[in-house]
Amino acid sequence: MEPRESTARESKLRDQVVQTQQQIQQQITLLSREWLSPAERETLQGARGFLQQSLRALQESDFQRASNLADKAHLLVEAIEQAR
């Protein structure tokens, strides 16, 4: 069992996760309005899935898991944007 993060560290991590989630949601919204290839749409759907899992982990106060999932969503969104 891992020791619990300090309250200040948890608060900072939570704030970072929320900011990343909001940024990813904005990127997903913008990309969903564009024409995307079937492969890009599938990648975007994967990003949505990771974002939803991240939101659930945040609700459960699992900040590290929420951060990891948000990072995965971010990587998928970035891959689509770089391919454009």
C-alpha atoms as a PDB file:
ATOM      1  CA  MET A   1       0.000   0.000   0.000  1.00  0.00           C
ATOM      2  CA  GLU A   2       1.396   3.393  -1.030  1.00  0.00           C
ATOM      3  CA  PRO A   3       1.491   6.276   1.434  1.00  0.00           C
ATOM      4  CA  ARG A   4      -1.106   8.932   0.755  1.00  0.00           C
ATOM      5  CA  GLU A   5       0.026  12.079  -0.996  1.00  0.00           C
ATOM      6  CA  SER A   6       0.190  15.199   1.122  1.00  0.00           C
ATOM      7  CA  THR A   7      -2.905  17.385   0.946  1.00  0.00           C
ATOM      8  CA  ALA A   8      -1.025  20.211  -0.812  1.00  0.00           C
ATOM      9  CA  ARG A   9       0.437  17.810  -3.376  1.00  0.00           C
ATOM     10  CA  GLU A  10      -2.965  16.206  -3.966  1.00  0.00           C
ATOM     11  CA  SER A  11      -4.535  19.624  -4.461  1.00  0.00           C
ATOM     12  CA  LYS A  12      -1.848  20.639  -6.966  1.00  0.00           C
ATOM     13  CA  LEU A  13      -2.146  17.350  -8.871  1.00  0.00           C
ATOM     14  CA  ARG A  14      -5.934  17.634  -8.897  1.00  0.00           C
ATOM     15  CA  ASP A  15      -5.742  21.162 -10.313  1.00  0.00           C
ATOM     16  CA  GLN A  16      -3.292  20.024 -13.005  1.00  0.00           C
ATOM     17  CA  VAL A  17      -5.541  17.108 -13.948  1.00  0.00           C
ATOM     18  CA  VAL A  18      -8.626  19.321 -14.179  1.00  0.00           C
ATOM     19  CA  GLN A  19      -6.752  21.802 -16.381  1.00  0.00           C
ATOM     20  CA  THR A  20      -5.505  19.009 -18.659  1.00  0.00           C
ATOM     21  CA  GLN A  21      -8.983  17.465 -18.865  1.00  0.00           C
ATOM     22  CA  GLN A  22     -10.509  20.810 -19.851  1.00  0.00           C
ATOM     23  CA  GLN A  23      -7.856  21.359 -22.508  1.00  0.00           C
ATOM     24  CA  ILE A  24      -8.397  17.875 -23.936  1.00  0.00           C
ATOM     25  CA  GLN A  25     -12.166  18.358 -23.995  1.00  0.00           C
ATOM     26  CA  GLN A  26     -11.732  21.587 -25.976  1.00  0.00           C
ATOM     27  CA  GLN A  27      -9.394  19.861 -28.436  1.00  0.00           C
ATOM     28  CA  ILE A  28     -11.806  16.946 -28.835  1.00  0.00           C
ATOM     29  CA  THR A  29     -14.694  19.339 -29.453  1.00  0.00           C
ATOM     30  CA  LEU A  30     -12.741  21.195 -32.141  1.00  0.00           C
ATOM     31  CA  LEU A  31     -11.525  18.016 -33.821  1.00  0.00           C
ATOM     32  CA  SER A  32     -15.000  16.482 -33.832  1.00  0.00           C
ATOM     33  CA  ARG A  33     -16.186  19.400 -35.977  1.00  0.00           C
ATOM     34  CA  GLU A  34     -13.572  18.685 -38.653  1.00  0.00           C
ATOM     35  CA  TRP A  35     -13.521  16.037 -41.321  1.00  0.00           C
ATOM     36  CA  LEU A  36     -11.534  13.116 -39.975  1.00  0.00           C
ATOM     37  CA  SER A  37     -10.522   9.892 -41.618  1.00  0.00           C
ATOM     38  CA  PRO A  38     -11.959   6.692 -40.162  1.00  0.00           C
ATOM     39  CA  ALA A  39      -8.636   6.012 -38.400  1.00  0.00           C
ATOM     40  CA  GLU A  40      -8.590   9.534 -36.927  1.00  0.00           C
ATOM     41  CA  ARG A  41     -12.194   9.149 -35.754  1.00  0.00           C
ATOM     42  CA  GLU A  42     -11.267   5.885 -34.044  1.00  0.00           C
ATOM     43  CA  THR A  43      -8.292   7.574 -32.364  1.00  0.00           C
ATOM     44  CA  LEU A  44     -10.534  10.445 -31.261  1.00  0.00           C
ATOM     45  CA  GLN A  45     -12.995   7.942 -29.815  1.00  0.00           C
ATOM     46  CA  GLY A  46     -10.139   6.375 -27.870  1.00  0.00           C
ATOM     47  CA  ALA A  47      -9.196   9.812 -26.520  1.00  0.00           C
ATOM     48  CA  ARG A  48     -12.797  10.338 -25.409  1.00  0.00           C
ATOM     49  CA  GLY A  49     -12.707   6.996 -23.613  1.00  0.00           C
ATOM     50  CA  PHE A  50      -9.505   7.841 -21.754  1.00  0.00           C
ATOM     51  CA  LEU A  51     -10.918  11.259 -20.853  1.00  0.00           C
ATOM     52  CA  GLN A  52     -14.087   9.683 -19.432  1.00  0.00           C
ATOM     53  CA  GLN A  53     -12.019   7.232 -17.392  1.00  0.00           C
ATOM     54  CA  SER A  54      -9.888  10.125 -16.173  1.00  0.00           C
ATOM     55  CA  LEU A  55     -12.990  12.034 -15.072  1.00  0.00           C
ATOM     56  CA  ARG A  56     -14.216   8.986 -13.136  1.00  0.00           C
ATOM     57  CA  ALA A  57     -10.827   8.511 -11.472  1.00  0.00           C
ATOM     58  CA  LEU A  58     -10.861  12.168 -10.446  1.00  0.00           C
ATOM     59  CA  GLN A  59     -14.307  11.744  -8.888  1.00  0.00           C
ATOM     60  CA  GLU A  60     -12.885   8.809  -6.937  1.00  0.00           C
ATOM     61  CA  SER A  61      -9.966  11.005  -5.764  1.00  0.00           C
ATOM     62  CA  ASP A  62      -7.487   8.763  -7.583  1.00  0.00           C
ATOM     63  CA  PHE A  63      -5.455  11.711  -8.806  1.00  0.00           C
ATOM     64  CA  GLN A  64      -2.466   9.798 -10.152  1.00  0.00           C
ATOM     65  CA  ARG A  65      -4.673   7.472 -12.212  1.00  0.00           C
ATOM     66  CA  ALA A  66      -6.706  10.453 -13.428  1.00  0.00           C
ATOM     67  CA  SER A  67      -3.473  12.157 -14.487  1.00  0.00           C
ATOM     68  CA  ASN A  68      -2.186   9.074 -16.322  1.00  0.00           C
ATOM     69  CA  LEU A  69      -5.462   8.629 -18.206  1.00  0.00           C
ATOM     70  CA  ALA A  70      -5.607  12.326 -19.119  1.00  0.00           C
ATOM     71  CA  ASP A  71      -2.058  12.050 -20.454  1.00  0.00           C
ATOM     72  CA  LYS A  72      -3.093   9.100 -22.635  1.00  0.00           C
ATOM     73  CA  ALA A  73      -6.036  11.086 -24.014  1.00  0.00           C
ATOM     74  CA  HIS A  74      -3.723  14.029 -24.643  1.00  0.00           C
ATOM     75  CA  LEU A  75      -1.276  11.853 -26.592  1.00  0.00           C
ATOM     76  CA  LEU A  76      -4.046  10.549 -28.849  1.00  0.00           C
ATOM     77  CA  VAL A  77      -5.387  14.050 -29.520  1.00  0.00           C
ATOM     78  CA  GLU A  78      -1.880  15.310 -30.242  1.00  0.00           C
ATOM     79  CA  ALA A  79      -1.317  12.449 -32.693  1.00  0.00           C
ATOM     80  CA  ILE A  80      -4.391  13.518 -34.662  1.00  0.00           C
ATOM     81  CA  GLU A  81      -3.379  17.177 -34.623  1.00  0.00           C
ATOM     82  CA  GLN A  82       0.180  16.402 -35.771  1.00  0.00           C
ATOM     83  CA  ALA A  83      -1.123  14.307 -38.660  1.00  0.00           C
ATOM     84  CA  ARG A  84      -3.115  17.260 -39.974  1.00  0.00           C
END
